[in-house]
C-alpha atoms as a PDB file:
ATOM      1  CA  TYR A   1     120.159 262.465 167.293  1.00  0.00           C
ATOM      2  CA  ALA A   2     117.064 262.995 169.431  1.00  0.00           C
ATOM      3  CA  VAL A   3     117.933 259.743 171.254  1.00  0.00           C
ATOM      4  CA  LEU A   4     121.506 260.922 171.750  1.00  0.00           C
ATOM      5  CA  ALA A   5     120.375 264.326 173.045  1.00  0.00           C
ATOM      6  CA  SER A   6     118.001 262.633 175.456  1.00  0.00           C
ATOM      7  CA  GLU A   7     120.765 260.355 176.789  1.00  0.00           C
ATOM      8  CA  ILE A   8     123.124 263.282 177.280  1.00  0.00           C
ATOM      9  CA  ASP A   9     120.409 265.251 179.080  1.00  0.00           C
ATOM     10  CA  GLU A  10     119.855 262.343 181.486  1.00  0.00           C
ATOM     11  CA  SER A  11     123.565 261.546 182.106  1.00  0.00           C
ATOM     12  CA  SER A  12     125.696 264.547 181.310  1.00  0.00           C
ATOM     13  CA  ASP A  13     128.661 263.219 183.313  1.00  0.00           C
ATOM     14  CA  ARG A  14     129.332 260.253 180.923  1.00  0.00           C
ATOM     15  CA  LEU A  15     131.979 260.235 178.227  1.00  0.00           C
ATOM     16  CA  LEU A  16     130.689 260.935 174.721  1.00  0.00           C
ATOM     17  CA  SER A  17     131.930 257.526 173.540  1.00  0.00           C
ATOM     18  CA  GLU A  18     129.644 255.820 176.072  1.00  0.00           C
ATOM     19  CA  PHE A  19     126.445 257.096 174.446  1.00  0.00           C
ATOM     20  CA  SER A  20     124.631 255.273 171.649  1.00  0.00           C
ATOM     21  CA  LEU A  21     122.891 256.257 168.423  1.00  0.00           C
ATOM     22  CA  VAL A  22     120.835 253.049 168.433  1.00  0.00           C
ATOM     23  CA  THR A  23     117.121 253.594 168.881  1.00  0.00           C
ATOM     24  CA  ALA A  24     114.843 251.130 170.668  1.00  0.00           C
ATOM     25  CA  ARG A  25     113.490 249.975 167.312  1.00  0.00           C
ATOM     26  CA  GLY A  26     116.988 249.601 165.889  1.00  0.00           C
ATOM     27  CA  ARG A  27     118.138 247.600 168.908  1.00  0.00           C
ATOM     28  CA  ALA A  28     115.369 245.071 168.247  1.00  0.00           C
ATOM     29  CA  LEU A  29     116.531 244.619 164.659  1.00  0.00           C
ATOM     30  CA  LEU A  30     120.313 244.578 165.043  1.00  0.00           C
ATOM     31  CA  PRO A  31     122.227 241.449 166.088  1.00  0.00           C
ATOM     32  CA  ASP A  32     123.856 241.397 169.513  1.00  0.00           C
ATOM     33  CA  PRO A  33     127.486 242.468 168.948  1.00  0.00           C
ATOM     34  CA  ALA A  34     128.534 240.534 172.041  1.00  0.00           C
ATOM     35  CA  LEU A  35     127.516 237.192 170.520  1.00  0.00           C
ATOM     36  CA  ALA A  36     130.250 235.131 168.877  1.00  0.00           C
ATOM     37  CA  LEU A  37     129.852 234.660 165.125  1.00  0.00           C
ATOM     38  CA  GLU A  38     129.616 231.086 163.916  1.00  0.00           C
ATOM     39  CA  MET A  39     132.489 230.271 161.571  1.00  0.00           C
ATOM     40  CA  PRO A  40     131.192 228.200 158.655  1.00  0.00           C
ATOM     41  CA  HIS A  41     133.446 225.522 157.208  1.00  0.00           C
ATOM     42  CA  HIS A  42     133.843 225.385 153.455  1.00  0.00           C
ATOM     43  CA  GLN A  43     135.905 222.889 151.505  1.00  0.00           C
ATOM     44  CA  PRO A  44     138.937 224.562 149.852  1.00  0.00           C
ATOM     45  CA  ILE A  45     137.913 225.413 146.312  1.00  0.00           C
ATOM     46  CA  ALA A  46     140.500 223.242 144.563  1.00  0.00           C
ATOM     47  CA  GLU A  47     139.315 220.235 146.597  1.00  0.00           C
ATOM     48  CA  ALA A  48     135.726 220.997 145.588  1.00  0.00           C
ATOM     49  CA  ILE A  49     136.748 220.936 141.920  1.00  0.00           C
ATOM     50  CA  MET A  50     138.616 217.647 142.383  1.00  0.00           C
ATOM     51  CA  ALA A  51     135.495 216.204 144.021  1.00  0.00           C
ATOM     52  CA  TRP A  52     133.594 216.864 140.791  1.00  0.00           C
ATOM     53  CA  ALA A  53     136.417 215.177 138.852  1.00  0.00           C
ATOM     54  CA  ARG A  54     135.828 212.029 140.934  1.00  0.00           C
ATOM     55  CA  LEU A  55     132.029 212.270 140.766  1.00  0.00           C
ATOM     56  CA  THR A  56     131.637 213.216 137.078  1.00  0.00           C
ATOM     57  CA  PRO A  57     135.034 212.570 135.416  1.00  0.00           C
ATOM     58  CA  ALA A  58     133.688 212.676 131.855  1.00  0.00           C
ATOM     59  CA  ALA A  59     131.638 215.859 132.327  1.00  0.00           C
ATOM     60  CA  PRO A  60     132.771 218.952 130.364  1.00  0.00           C
ATOM     61  CA  ALA A  61     134.940 221.204 132.531  1.00  0.00           C
ATOM     62  CA  VAL A  62     136.551 223.682 130.116  1.00  0.00           C
ATOM     63  CA  LEU A  63     135.551 224.687 126.593  1.00  0.00           C
ATOM     64  CA  TYR A  64     138.517 226.186 124.759  1.00  0.00           C
ATOM     65  CA  GLU A  65     139.179 226.577 121.018  1.00  0.00           C
ATOM     66  CA  ASN A  66     136.209 224.382 120.087  1.00  0.00           C
ATOM     67  CA  ARG A  67     137.486 221.550 122.263  1.00  0.00           C
ATOM     68  CA  CYS A  68     135.868 220.404 125.469  1.00  0.00           C
ATOM     69  CA  PHE A  69     138.203 219.206 128.225  1.00  0.00           C
ATOM     70  CA  SER A  70     136.693 216.899 130.837  1.00  0.00           C
ATOM     71  CA  PHE A  71     136.979 217.175 134.600  1.00  0.00           C
ATOM     72  CA  SER A  72     139.292 214.142 134.589  1.00  0.00           C
ATOM     73  CA  GLU A  73     141.619 215.885 132.097  1.00  0.00           C
ATOM     74  CA  LEU A  74     141.592 219.007 134.264  1.00  0.00           C
ATOM     75  CA  ALA A  75     142.391 216.911 137.338  1.00  0.00           C
ATOM     76  CA  ARG A  76     145.331 215.225 135.596  1.00  0.00           C
ATOM     77  CA  LEU A  77     146.808 218.547 134.490  1.00  0.00           C
ATOM     78  CA  SER A  78     146.446 220.113 137.923  1.00  0.00           C
ATOM     79  CA  ASP A  79     148.033 216.975 139.422  1.00  0.00           C
ATOM     80  CA  ASP A  80     151.058 217.483 137.162  1.00  0.00           C
ATOM     81  CA  VAL A  81     151.360 221.147 138.104  1.00  0.00           C
ATOM     82  CA  THR A  82     150.944 220.485 141.818  1.00  0.00           C
ATOM     83  CA  ARG A  83     153.447 217.632 141.983  1.00  0.00           C
ATOM     84  CA  THR A  84     155.989 219.518 139.897  1.00  0.00           C
ATOM     85  CA  LEU A  85     155.768 222.561 142.194  1.00  0.00           C
ATOM     86  CA  VAL A  86     156.163 220.370 145.278  1.00  0.00           C
ATOM     87  CA  GLU A  87     159.108 218.578 143.678  1.00  0.00           C
ATOM     88  CA  ARG A  88     160.664 221.958 142.937  1.00  0.00           C
ATOM     89  CA  GLY A  89     160.476 222.868 146.625  1.00  0.00           C
ATOM     90  CA  ILE A  90     157.365 225.068 146.851  1.00  0.00           C
ATOM     91  CA  ILE A  91     155.938 224.930 150.369  1.00  0.00           C
ATOM     92  CA  ALA A  92     152.744 226.295 151.896  1.00  0.00           C
ATOM     93  CA  GLY A  93     152.641 230.093 151.930  1.00  0.00           C
ATOM     94  CA  GLU A  94     155.179 230.671 149.144  1.00  0.00           C
ATOM     95  CA  THR A  95     154.024 232.686 146.142  1.00  0.00           C
ATOM     96  CA  VAL A  96     153.857 231.169 142.663  1.00  0.00           C
ATOM     97  CA  ALA A  97     153.062 233.439 139.708  1.00  0.00           C
ATOM     98  CA  VAL A  98     150.951 232.189 136.805  1.00  0.00           C
ATOM     99  CA  THR A  99     151.076 234.032 133.477  1.00  0.00           C
ATOM    100  CA  GLY A 100     150.325 233.511 129.806  1.00  0.00           C
ATOM    101  CA  ILE A 101     147.380 233.004 127.497  1.00  0.00           C
ATOM    102  CA  ARG A 102     143.907 232.391 128.923  1.00  0.00           C
ATOM    103  CA  SER A 103     143.322 228.735 128.104  1.00  0.00           C
ATOM    104  CA  PHE A 104     142.619 225.285 129.498  1.00  0.00           C
ATOM    105  CA  ALA A 105     146.286 225.076 130.511  1.00  0.00           C
ATOM    106  CA  LEU A 106     146.077 228.354 132.425  1.00  0.00           C
ATOM    107  CA  VAL A 107     143.077 227.067 134.403  1.00  0.00           C
ATOM    108  CA  GLY A 108     144.951 223.862 135.227  1.00  0.00           C
ATOM    109  CA  ALA A 109     147.956 225.907 136.368  1.00  0.00           C
ATOM    110  CA  MET A 110     145.800 228.049 138.678  1.00  0.00           C
ATOM    111  CA  ILE A 111     144.220 225.007 140.319  1.00  0.00           C
ATOM    112  CA  GLY A 112     147.604 223.281 140.553  1.00  0.00           C
ATOM    113  CA  VAL A 113     149.115 226.210 142.459  1.00  0.00           C
ATOM    114  CA  LEU A 114     146.161 226.290 144.874  1.00  0.00           C
ATOM    115  CA  ARG A 115     146.478 222.536 145.481  1.00  0.00           C
ATOM    116  CA  SER A 116     150.224 222.800 146.118  1.00  0.00           C
ATOM    117  CA  GLY A 117     149.718 225.143 149.065  1.00  0.00           C
ATOM    118  CA  GLY A 118     151.390 227.930 147.125  1.00  0.00           C
ATOM    119  CA  VAL A 119     149.961 231.449 147.071  1.00  0.00           C
ATOM    120  CA  LEU A 120     148.603 232.200 143.601  1.00  0.00           C
ATOM    121  CA  LEU A 121     149.739 235.428 141.900  1.00  0.00           C
ATOM    122  CA  MET A 122     148.056 236.015 138.538  1.00  0.00           C
ATOM    123  CA  LEU A 123     150.341 237.965 136.222  1.00  0.00           C
ATOM    124  CA  ASP A 124     148.673 239.508 133.170  1.00  0.00           C
ATOM    125  CA  PRO A 125     151.219 239.473 130.291  1.00  0.00           C
ATOM    126  CA  ASN A 126     149.558 242.609 128.881  1.00  0.00           C
ATOM    127  CA  LEU A 127     150.568 244.719 131.873  1.00  0.00           C
ATOM    128  CA  PRO A 128     153.653 246.939 131.496  1.00  0.00           C
ATOM    129  CA  LEU A 129     156.881 245.103 132.213  1.00  0.00           C
ATOM    130  CA  GLN A 130     157.783 247.399 135.118  1.00  0.00           C
ATOM    131  CA  ARG A 131     154.425 246.733 136.771  1.00  0.00           C
ATOM    132  CA  ARG A 132     154.822 242.962 136.435  1.00  0.00           C
ATOM    133  CA  ARG A 133     158.318 243.055 137.858  1.00  0.00           C
ATOM    134  CA  ALA A 134     157.084 245.112 140.818  1.00  0.00           C
ATOM    135  CA  MET A 135     154.279 242.615 141.478  1.00  0.00           C
ATOM    136  CA  VAL A 136     156.645 239.653 141.378  1.00  0.00           C
ATOM    137  CA  GLU A 137     159.068 241.407 143.712  1.00  0.00           C
ATOM    138  CA  LEU A 138     156.493 242.701 146.199  1.00  0.00           C
ATOM    139  CA  ALA A 139     154.741 239.332 146.340  1.00  0.00           C
ATOM    140  CA  ASP A 140     158.119 237.620 146.858  1.00  0.00           C
ATOM    141  CA  ALA A 141     157.333 235.047 144.152  1.00  0.00           C
ATOM    142  CA  ARG A 142     159.456 231.902 144.185  1.00  0.00           C
ATOM    143  CA  MET A 143     158.530 230.536 140.766  1.00  0.00           C
ATOM    144  CA  ILE A 144     156.592 231.344 137.579  1.00  0.00           C
ATOM    145  CA  VAL A 145     154.330 228.976 135.666  1.00  0.00           C
ATOM    146  CA  ARG A 146     154.146 230.284 132.097  1.00  0.00           C
ATOM    147  CA  VAL A 147     151.460 229.208 129.648  1.00  0.00           C
ATOM    148  CA  GLY A 148     152.111 229.661 125.961  1.00  0.00           C
ATOM    149  CA  HIS A 149     155.881 230.167 126.092  1.00  0.00           C
ATOM    150  CA  ALA A 150     157.425 233.237 124.478  1.00  0.00           C
ATOM    151  CA  GLN A 151     155.229 233.125 121.359  1.00  0.00           C
ATOM    152  CA  ASP A 152     152.714 235.207 123.308  1.00  0.00           C
ATOM    153  CA  ALA A 153     152.845 238.639 121.646  1.00  0.00           C
ATOM    154  CA  ALA A 154     153.167 240.316 125.041  1.00  0.00           C
ATOM    155  CA  GLY A 155     156.136 238.144 125.888  1.00  0.00           C
ATOM    156  CA  SER A 156     157.182 236.748 129.264  1.00  0.00           C
ATOM    157  CA  PRO A 157     160.284 238.542 130.461  1.00  0.00           C
ATOM    158  CA  ASP A 158     162.958 236.824 132.465  1.00  0.00           C
ATOM    159  CA  PHE A 159     162.338 237.634 136.127  1.00  0.00           C
ATOM    160  CA  GLU A 160     165.396 235.663 137.209  1.00  0.00           C
ATOM    161  CA  LEU A 161     163.095 233.071 138.756  1.00  0.00           C
ATOM    162  CA  PRO A 162     162.640 229.368 138.004  1.00  0.00           C
ATOM    163  CA  MET A 163     160.200 229.090 135.094  1.00  0.00           C
ATOM    164  CA  LEU A 164     157.884 226.180 134.289  1.00  0.00           C
ATOM    165  CA  ASP A 165     156.443 226.186 130.772  1.00  0.00           C
ATOM    166  CA  LEU A 166     153.044 224.712 129.889  1.00  0.00           C
ATOM    167  CA  ASP A 167     151.839 224.002 126.367  1.00  0.00           C
ATOM    168  CA  VAL A 168     148.834 226.242 125.752  1.00  0.00           C
ATOM    169  CA  ALA A 169     146.799 223.662 123.836  1.00  0.00           C
ATOM    170  CA  GLY A 170     146.911 220.537 125.938  1.00  0.00           C
ATOM    171  CA  GLY A 171     148.666 221.686 129.062  1.00  0.00           C
ATOM    172  CA  ARG A 172     151.736 219.466 128.647  1.00  0.00           C
ATOM    173  CA  PHE A 173     154.881 220.401 130.512  1.00  0.00           C
ATOM    174  CA  ASP A 174     158.172 220.727 128.712  1.00  0.00           C
ATOM    175  CA  ALA A 175     160.087 217.457 129.086  1.00  0.00           C
ATOM    176  CA  ALA A 176     162.585 219.143 131.407  1.00  0.00           C
ATOM    177  CA  PHE A 177     159.813 219.765 133.918  1.00  0.00           C
ATOM    178  CA  ALA A 178     157.988 216.428 133.905  1.00  0.00           C
ATOM    179  CA  ALA A 179     156.121 215.870 137.167  1.00  0.00           C
ATOM    180  CA  SER A 180     157.517 213.425 139.692  1.00  0.00           C
ATOM    181  CA  ALA A 181     155.661 211.160 142.070  1.00  0.00           C
ATOM    182  CA  SER A 182     155.724 213.787 144.810  1.00  0.00           C
ATOM    183  CA  GLY A 183     152.589 213.770 146.939  1.00  0.00           C
ATOM    184  CA  ILE A 184     149.911 216.447 147.026  1.00  0.00           C
ATOM    185  CA  PRO A 185     149.881 218.187 150.433  1.00  0.00           C
ATOM    186  CA  PRO A 186     146.704 218.730 152.470  1.00  0.00           C
ATOM    187  CA  ILE A 187     145.330 222.273 152.406  1.00  0.00           C
ATOM    188  CA  ASP A 188     144.179 224.066 155.546  1.00  0.00           C
ATOM    189  CA  SER A 189     141.387 226.574 154.953  1.00  0.00           C
ATOM    190  CA  GLY A 190     143.263 229.125 157.045  1.00  0.00           C
ATOM    191  CA  GLN A 191     146.252 229.124 154.693  1.00  0.00           C
ATOM    192  CA  PRO A 192     146.782 232.020 152.280  1.00  0.00           C
ATOM    193  CA  ALA A 193     145.495 231.123 148.806  1.00  0.00           C
ATOM    194  CA  TYR A 194     146.167 234.116 146.563  1.00  0.00           C
ATOM    195  CA  VAL A 195     147.617 237.603 146.356  1.00  0.00           C
ATOM    196  CA  PHE A 196     146.328 240.422 144.128  1.00  0.00           C
ATOM    197  CA  PHE A 197     147.271 244.079 143.830  1.00  0.00           C
ATOM    198  CA  THR A 198     145.214 247.248 144.045  1.00  0.00           C
ATOM    199  CA  SER A 199     145.124 249.452 140.946  1.00  0.00           C
ATOM    200  CA  GLY A 200     147.697 251.908 142.244  1.00  0.00           C
ATOM    201  CA  SER A 201     145.542 254.853 141.169  1.00  0.00           C
ATOM    202  CA  SER A 202     146.124 256.530 144.539  1.00  0.00           C
ATOM    203  CA  GLY A 203     149.793 255.618 144.881  1.00  0.00           C
ATOM    204  CA  THR A 204     151.915 252.484 144.934  1.00  0.00           C
ATOM    205  CA  PRO A 205     149.840 249.315 144.274  1.00  0.00           C
ATOM    206  CA  LYS A 206     149.257 247.390 147.495  1.00  0.00           C
ATOM    207  CA  ALA A 207     149.295 243.621 147.791  1.00  0.00           C
ATOM    208  CA  VAL A 208     146.166 242.023 149.253  1.00  0.00           C
ATOM    209  CA  LYS A 209     146.355 238.412 150.391  1.00  0.00           C
ATOM    210  CA  GLY A 210     143.303 236.164 150.722  1.00  0.00           C
ATOM    211  CA  ARG A 211     142.764 232.800 152.415  1.00  0.00           C
ATOM    212  CA  HIS A 212     141.300 229.542 151.135  1.00  0.00           C
ATOM    213  CA  ALA A 213     138.427 229.945 153.618  1.00  0.00           C
ATOM    214  CA  GLY A 214     137.427 233.360 152.279  1.00  0.00           C
ATOM    215  CA  LEU A 215     137.542 232.254 148.646  1.00  0.00           C
ATOM    216  CA  ALA A 216     135.525 229.107 149.372  1.00  0.00           C
ATOM    217  CA  HIS A 217     132.976 231.049 151.434  1.00  0.00           C
ATOM    218  CA  PHE A 218     132.417 233.638 148.694  1.00  0.00           C
ATOM    219  CA  LEU A 219     132.053 231.081 145.909  1.00  0.00           C
ATOM    220  CA  SER A 220     129.689 229.006 148.048  1.00  0.00           C
ATOM    221  CA  TRP A 221     127.490 232.108 148.400  1.00  0.00           C
ATOM    222  CA  GLN A 222     127.647 232.715 144.628  1.00  0.00           C
ATOM    223  CA  ARG A 223     126.681 229.120 143.804  1.00  0.00           C
ATOM    224  CA  SER A 224     123.757 229.237 146.214  1.00  0.00           C
ATOM    225  CA  THR A 225     122.522 232.748 145.406  1.00  0.00           C
ATOM    226  CA  PHE A 226     122.577 232.325 141.634  1.00  0.00           C
ATOM    227  CA  GLY A 227     121.745 228.622 141.504  1.00  0.00           C
ATOM    228  CA  VAL A 228     124.902 227.623 139.625  1.00  0.00           C
ATOM    229  CA  ARG A 229     124.877 223.885 138.925  1.00  0.00           C
ATOM    230  CA  PRO A 230     126.075 221.209 136.475  1.00  0.00           C
ATOM    231  CA  GLY A 231     124.833 222.032 132.999  1.00  0.00           C
ATOM    232  CA  ASP A 232     125.533 225.749 133.350  1.00  0.00           C
ATOM    233  CA  ARG A 233     128.149 227.343 131.094  1.00  0.00           C
ATOM    234  CA  ALA A 234     130.083 230.354 132.427  1.00  0.00           C
ATOM    235  CA  SER A 235     132.287 232.737 130.463  1.00  0.00           C
ATOM    236  CA  GLN A 236     135.809 233.769 131.496  1.00  0.00           C
ATOM    237  CA  LEU A 237     136.294 237.367 130.306  1.00  0.00           C
ATOM    238  CA  THR A 238     138.298 238.979 133.111  1.00  0.00           C
ATOM    239  CA  ALA A 239     141.888 240.180 132.746  1.00  0.00           C
ATOM    240  CA  LEU A 240     144.241 237.944 134.680  1.00  0.00           C
ATOM    241  CA  SER A 241     145.524 240.437 137.260  1.00  0.00           C
ATOM    242  CA  PHE A 242     142.056 241.476 138.529  1.00  0.00           C
ATOM    243  CA  ASP A 243     140.958 239.473 141.557  1.00  0.00           C
ATOM    244  CA  VAL A 244     137.566 238.761 139.972  1.00  0.00           C
ATOM    245  CA  VAL A 245     139.363 236.328 137.668  1.00  0.00           C
ATOM    246  CA  LEU A 246     139.114 233.875 140.577  1.00  0.00           C
ATOM    247  CA  ARG A 247     135.331 234.196 140.569  1.00  0.00           C
ATOM    248  CA  ASP A 248     135.098 233.994 136.771  1.00  0.00           C
ATOM    249  CA  THR A 249     137.328 230.923 136.603  1.00  0.00           C
ATOM    250  CA  LEU A 250     136.481 228.907 139.702  1.00  0.00           C
ATOM    251  CA  LEU A 251     132.748 229.468 140.229  1.00  0.00           C
ATOM    252  CA  ALA A 252     131.576 227.200 137.418  1.00  0.00           C
ATOM    253  CA  LEU A 253     134.168 224.505 138.053  1.00  0.00           C
ATOM    254  CA  SER A 254     133.369 224.334 141.774  1.00  0.00           C
ATOM    255  CA  ALA A 255     129.708 223.763 140.823  1.00  0.00           C
ATOM    256  CA  GLY A 256     130.418 220.987 138.335  1.00  0.00           C
ATOM    257  CA  ALA A 257     129.555 223.367 135.481  1.00  0.00           C
ATOM    258  CA  THR A 258     131.520 224.263 132.330  1.00  0.00           C
ATOM    259  CA  LEU A 259     133.950 227.166 131.979  1.00  0.00           C
ATOM    260  CA  CYS A 260     133.971 228.691 128.481  1.00  0.00           C
ATOM    261  CA  ILE A 261     137.119 230.552 127.406  1.00  0.00           C
ATOM    262  CA  PRO A 262     137.102 232.809 124.315  1.00  0.00           C
ATOM    263  CA  ALA A 263     140.027 233.429 122.000  1.00  0.00           C
ATOM    264  CA  GLU A 264     142.148 236.412 123.016  1.00  0.00           C
ATOM    265  CA  GLU A 265     141.213 238.359 119.879  1.00  0.00           C
ATOM    266  CA  ASP A 266     137.488 238.000 120.664  1.00  0.00           C
ATOM    267  CA  VAL A 267     137.537 239.383 124.195  1.00  0.00           C
ATOM    268  CA  LEU A 268     137.730 243.116 123.437  1.00  0.00           C
ATOM    269  CA  ASP A 269     135.734 243.077 120.190  1.00  0.00           C
ATOM    270  CA  PRO A 270     132.058 243.772 121.049  1.00  0.00           C
ATOM    271  CA  THR A 271     130.643 242.074 117.970  1.00  0.00           C
ATOM    272  CA  ARG A 272     132.857 239.002 118.138  1.00  0.00           C
ATOM    273  CA  ILE A 273     132.362 238.457 121.863  1.00  0.00           C
ATOM    274  CA  LEU A 274     128.561 238.607 121.507  1.00  0.00           C
ATOM    275  CA  LEU A 275     128.690 236.053 118.704  1.00  0.00           C
ATOM    276  CA  TRP A 276     131.001 233.877 120.798  1.00  0.00           C
ATOM    277  CA  LEU A 277     128.680 234.073 123.846  1.00  0.00           C
ATOM    278  CA  GLU A 278     125.771 232.928 121.694  1.00  0.00           C
ATOM    279  CA  ALA A 279     127.697 230.165 119.949  1.00  0.00           C
ATOM    280  CA  SER A 280     129.093 228.892 123.271  1.00  0.00           C
ATOM    281  CA  GLU A 281     125.592 228.839 124.804  1.00  0.00           C
ATOM    282  CA  VAL A 282     126.843 230.697 127.874  1.00  0.00           C
ATOM    283  CA  THR A 283     124.285 230.828 130.711  1.00  0.00           C
ATOM    284  CA  ILE A 284     126.324 232.776 133.289  1.00  0.00           C
ATOM    285  CA  ILE A 285     128.298 235.955 132.680  1.00  0.00           C
ATOM    286  CA  HIS A 286     129.829 238.421 135.132  1.00  0.00           C
ATOM    287  CA  ILE A 287     129.913 241.860 133.564  1.00  0.00           C
ATOM    288  CA  VAL A 288     130.273 245.481 134.616  1.00  0.00           C
END
């Protein structure tokens, strides 16, 4: 404020908005706001995961129910999801909801939607029905990929949208939705990748859309900052409709590491989840 007072004393005829609070020392430390920021290029996250499938196809990608699924198995499942969505008419920028039981199949569905060019909407089956319907409507979802069918205790209500069912164990589609030979479209990093909703604690939940570039940039920073690499084992503990589920699910896979998924009944039990973390030899956990 002393700097500001001095400037005003010297040039009292200037508009207040023309003065600065930056000191001489601060000016030497701060970047020049007139300089253009370099835009880094990051490979879309689904492509990064597929690159690991080509490089290390037999490496463990997802640990679920005491079974380890390889990167090649994950690639095949996401191929099926992607080609089926394209065959069903999903085009870049259209929203596809994914719901059901956290599992290998759910991970494959998420990656498949991202690879199709669709905008991923994660729909937690434990949310109230009215909230889920509002999310589907506000996000203008075109289709729902459902993992685990209706045997999920929370159920998957009929949203009057086309529904694709995935088997929770192995990720197989129902016969009626077998994937065709449709091609997998290229993804531009500027395309929208996902849509999540605010909590609604201050009013109506608001939809927030993110791009492939932003997601790839953030996960690149995470991999570098925390040294995530093949051989690491990361837990997936986040509820599906929180945006951090993208970080929990995709960080390890984009680093060639293993994603470990607990049983639903273990997640909210403090004793069981600690035992599961130890038994699964988890090395990376995101936790509040």
